[in-house]
């Protein structure tokens, strides 16, 4: 074999080897995992707050709750055939409680003392907070206690008396209840500092009798 033939064969062998290496590299690249880095997703807004069951709307009932009760409505019922009925609105105001009373049926010219008592209308205890007297069916008092602390002291009731000289004759009463509650809460031991209630008269007091 001549030298030129040998040279040609060597060149062909080298070419084949180089081509094989090149094809092998191409094949490996086609099967290699992508090194592309995923881009962070931006401007994604969560819809969790709009999902069913996540509503923050107030629960209906006797009170409206927003991070704790803000208002509680107390229905006032007549006692001893007085004919006096209405409602008291308890409103949380900067750590104190405003008690706004509106009653129909109060006798003209009357001034009727009122208090928040420990216990319920059916079983009144000592006076917890004195309130402004009822005049012309209206009264408003701000007591130095938050609404939440008031509700934590249940059972409590708002009671109205015939006059300053007839404190033992009750004309109307309403049980304070926690929002969405159907009955006064259990008694709290913090009521020990309350003012004693007037002694009932035999002529009729509380929810029974006919003293008015």
Protein backbone atom coordinates (compact mmCIF):
# COMPACT_ATOMS: atom_id res chain seq x y z
CA UNK A 1 0.00 0.00 0.00
CA UNK A 2 1.35 3.37 -0.99
CA UNK A 3 1.94 6.17 1.49
CA UNK A 4 -0.84 8.29 -0.03
CA UNK A 5 -3.37 5.50 0.49
CA UNK A 6 -2.32 5.15 4.13
CA UNK A 7 -2.73 8.88 4.64
CA UNK A 8 -6.23 8.81 3.20
CA UNK A 9 -7.21 5.88 5.45
CA UNK A 10 -5.86 7.66 8.54
CA UNK A 11 -7.75 10.85 7.66
CA UNK A 12 -10.97 8.87 7.22
CA UNK A 13 -10.49 7.13 10.56
CA UNK A 14 -9.91 10.43 12.32
CA UNK A 15 -12.97 11.92 10.64
CA UNK A 16 -15.14 8.97 11.70
CA UNK A 17 -13.91 9.27 15.30
CA UNK A 18 -14.55 13.02 15.41
CA UNK A 19 -18.01 12.55 13.91
CA UNK A 20 -18.82 9.88 16.47
CA UNK A 21 -17.75 12.14 19.33
CA UNK A 22 -19.79 15.01 17.94
CA UNK A 23 -22.94 12.86 17.60
CA UNK A 24 -22.48 11.51 21.11
CA UNK A 25 -22.26 15.01 22.57
CA UNK A 26 -25.38 16.09 20.70
CA UNK A 27 -27.27 13.03 21.94
CA UNK A 28 -26.30 13.69 25.58
CA UNK A 29 -27.42 17.30 25.37
CA UNK A 30 -30.85 16.33 24.02
CA UNK A 31 -31.49 14.08 27.06
CA UNK A 32 -30.06 16.36 29.74
CA UNK A 33 -32.65 18.07 32.13
CA UNK A 34 -33.40 21.67 31.40
CA UNK A 35 -31.34 24.08 33.44
CA UNK A 36 -33.79 26.88 32.91
CA UNK A 37 -34.78 28.46 36.26
CA UNK A 38 -38.46 29.02 36.83
CA UNK A 39 -39.34 32.68 37.17
CA UNK A 40 -41.15 33.74 40.36
CA UNK A 41 -44.86 34.40 39.94
CA UNK A 42 -45.81 37.96 40.79
CA UNK A 43 -49.04 39.88 41.28
CA UNK A 44 -50.91 36.86 42.64
CA UNK A 45 -53.81 37.87 44.87
CA UNK A 46 -55.20 35.50 47.48
CA UNK A 47 -58.91 34.84 47.31
CA UNK A 48 -59.01 33.17 50.71
CA UNK A 49 -60.80 36.13 52.27
CA UNK A 50 -63.57 35.79 49.69
CA UNK A 51 -64.01 32.06 50.12
CA UNK A 52 -67.27 30.77 51.61
CA UNK A 53 -67.15 30.43 55.36
CA UNK A 54 -64.66 33.25 55.84
CA UNK A 55 -67.19 36.03 56.14
CA UNK A 56 -66.59 38.51 58.96
CA UNK A 57 -70.15 39.84 58.95
CA UNK A 58 -71.65 40.39 62.42
CA UNK A 59 -73.74 37.59 63.83
CA UNK A 60 -77.33 38.65 64.20
CA UNK A 61 -78.91 38.49 67.63
CA UNK A 62 -79.20 40.68 70.65
CA UNK A 63 -75.73 42.09 70.14
CA UNK A 64 -73.53 43.12 67.23
CA UNK A 65 -70.03 41.73 67.53
CA UNK A 66 -66.89 43.27 66.02
CA UNK A 67 -63.85 42.06 67.86
CA UNK A 68 -66.04 41.79 70.91
CA UNK A 69 -69.58 43.02 71.51
CA UNK A 70 -70.15 46.69 70.62
CA UNK A 71 -73.89 46.94 71.34
CA UNK A 72 -76.39 44.84 73.23
CA UNK A 73 -80.16 45.38 73.19
CA UNK A 74 -82.09 44.57 76.36
CA UNK A 75 -85.88 44.20 75.97
CA UNK A 76 -87.73 45.77 78.93
CA UNK A 77 -90.97 44.17 80.09
CA UNK A 78 -93.65 45.55 82.41
CA UNK A 79 -93.96 44.36 85.98
CA UNK A 80 -96.83 44.63 88.44
CA UNK A 81 -99.27 45.69 85.70
CA UNK A 82 -97.42 48.97 85.13
CA UNK A 83 -97.81 48.84 81.34
CA UNK A 84 -94.24 50.09 80.93
CA UNK A 85 -92.29 48.40 78.12
CA UNK A 86 -89.38 49.33 75.90
CA UNK A 87 -85.68 48.61 75.47
CA UNK A 88 -82.26 49.57 76.75
CA UNK A 89 -79.29 49.84 74.39
CA UNK A 90 -75.86 49.12 75.88
CA UNK A 91 -73.06 50.60 73.79
CA UNK A 92 -69.32 50.19 74.23
CA UNK A 93 -67.65 53.63 74.21
CA UNK A 94 -63.90 53.86 74.86
CA UNK A 95 -63.85 51.30 77.63
CA UNK A 96 -67.09 52.50 79.20
CA UNK A 97 -70.71 51.51 78.61
CA UNK A 98 -73.48 53.91 77.64
CA UNK A 99 -76.94 52.73 78.73
CA UNK A 100 -79.72 54.38 76.71
CA UNK A 101 -83.26 53.57 77.83
CA UNK A 102 -86.52 54.24 75.97
CA UNK A 103 -89.79 53.14 77.58
CA UNK A 104 -93.43 53.79 76.85
CA UNK A 105 -96.15 53.78 79.50
CA UNK A 106 -94.38 55.72 82.25
CA UNK A 107 -96.89 57.96 84.10
CA UNK A 108 -96.70 61.65 83.20
CA UNK A 109 -94.43 63.61 85.53
CA UNK A 110 -92.98 60.48 87.13
CA UNK A 111 -89.30 60.05 87.99
CA UNK A 112 -88.46 56.40 88.32
CA UNK A 113 -85.11 55.22 89.74
CA UNK A 114 -83.32 52.52 87.78
CA UNK A 115 -80.33 50.28 88.39
CA UNK A 116 -78.37 47.37 86.99
CA UNK A 117 -78.81 44.53 89.47
CA UNK A 118 -76.97 41.29 89.98
CA UNK A 119 -79.16 38.33 89.02
CA UNK A 120 -82.19 38.15 86.75
CA UNK A 121 -85.60 39.81 86.72
CA UNK A 122 -87.02 36.65 88.24
CA UNK A 123 -84.45 36.71 91.04
CA UNK A 124 -82.98 40.19 91.57
CA UNK A 125 -79.92 40.60 93.71
CA UNK A 126 -77.90 43.58 94.87
CA UNK A 127 -77.50 46.80 92.90
CA UNK A 128 -74.42 46.58 90.66
CA UNK A 129 -74.55 49.98 88.93
CA UNK A 130 -76.93 52.91 89.66
CA UNK A 131 -78.46 54.42 86.51
CA UNK A 132 -80.04 57.79 85.81
CA UNK A 133 -83.76 57.85 86.70
CA UNK A 134 -86.36 57.37 84.00
CA UNK A 135 -88.07 60.67 83.12
CA UNK A 136 -90.67 60.95 80.37
CA UNK A 137 -89.72 57.45 79.27
CA UNK A 138 -86.05 58.31 78.65
CA UNK A 139 -82.80 57.85 80.54
CA UNK A 140 -79.12 57.75 79.61
CA UNK A 141 -76.14 56.81 81.78
CA UNK A 142 -72.48 56.09 81.11
CA UNK A 143 -71.08 53.59 83.58
CA UNK A 144 -67.38 53.18 84.29
CA UNK A 145 -67.11 49.62 82.99
CA UNK A 146 -66.53 48.23 79.52
CA UNK A 147 -69.29 46.31 77.82
CA UNK A 148 -67.14 43.18 77.72
CA UNK A 149 -66.54 43.32 81.49
CA UNK A 150 -70.27 43.87 81.98
CA UNK A 151 -71.07 40.78 79.94
CA UNK A 152 -68.45 38.81 81.85
CA UNK A 153 -70.35 39.68 85.07
CA UNK A 154 -73.66 38.16 83.97
CA UNK A 155 -76.30 37.44 85.10
CA UNK A 156 -77.38 41.08 85.38
CA UNK A 157 -80.72 42.83 84.92
CA UNK A 158 -81.92 46.42 84.45
CA UNK A 159 -84.71 47.17 86.91
CA UNK A 160 -87.05 50.18 87.28
CA UNK A 161 -88.78 51.33 90.48
CA UNK A 162 -92.07 53.17 90.87
CA UNK A 163 -90.49 56.17 92.66
CA UNK A 164 -87.72 57.12 95.08
CA UNK A 165 -90.17 56.64 97.97
CA UNK A 166 -91.40 53.30 96.60
CA UNK A 167 -88.19 51.55 95.65
CA UNK A 168 -89.61 48.16 96.55
CA UNK A 169 -92.31 48.44 93.88
CA UNK A 170 -90.86 47.36 90.54
CA UNK A 171 -92.43 48.69 87.34
CA UNK A 172 -90.27 47.15 84.59
CA UNK A 173 -87.26 44.92 84.14
CA UNK A 174 -85.01 43.41 81.46
CA UNK A 175 -82.36 40.69 81.62
CA UNK A 176 -78.99 41.59 80.08
CA UNK A 177 -77.89 38.78 77.82
CA UNK A 178 -74.71 38.11 75.87
CA UNK A 179 -75.05 38.42 72.05
CA UNK A 180 -76.90 35.44 70.53
CA UNK A 181 -77.62 34.12 74.01
CA UNK A 182 -81.06 32.99 75.06
CA UNK A 183 -80.58 33.26 78.81
CA UNK A 184 -78.53 35.15 81.37
CA UNK A 185 -75.03 33.78 81.83
CA UNK A 186 -73.96 32.01 85.05
CA UNK A 187 -73.22 34.23 88.03
CA UNK A 188 -69.74 35.70 88.39
CA UNK A 189 -67.99 35.99 91.73
CA UNK A 190 -67.01 39.59 90.98
CA UNK A 191 -70.50 40.72 92.02
CA UNK A 192 -69.53 40.73 95.69
CA UNK A 193 -68.91 44.49 95.64
CA UNK A 194 -72.48 45.31 94.64
CA UNK A 195 -74.84 47.56 96.62
CA UNK A 196 -77.57 45.64 98.49
CA UNK A 197 -80.98 45.80 96.79
CA UNK A 198 -84.00 47.35 98.53
CA UNK A 199 -85.98 44.84 100.56
CA UNK A 200 -89.14 43.67 98.73
CA UNK A 201 -92.46 44.82 100.12
CA UNK A 202 -95.40 42.55 100.79
CA UNK A 203 -97.52 44.68 98.44
CA UNK A 204 -95.88 43.06 95.43
CA UNK A 205 -92.44 43.31 93.83
CA UNK A 206 -90.37 41.76 91.10
CA UNK A 207 -92.25 39.75 88.50
CA UNK A 208 -95.09 38.84 90.85
CA UNK A 209 -97.58 40.71 93.00
CA UNK A 210 -99.70 43.72 92.14
CA UNK A 211 -97.95 46.60 93.84
CA UNK A 212 -98.34 48.98 90.91
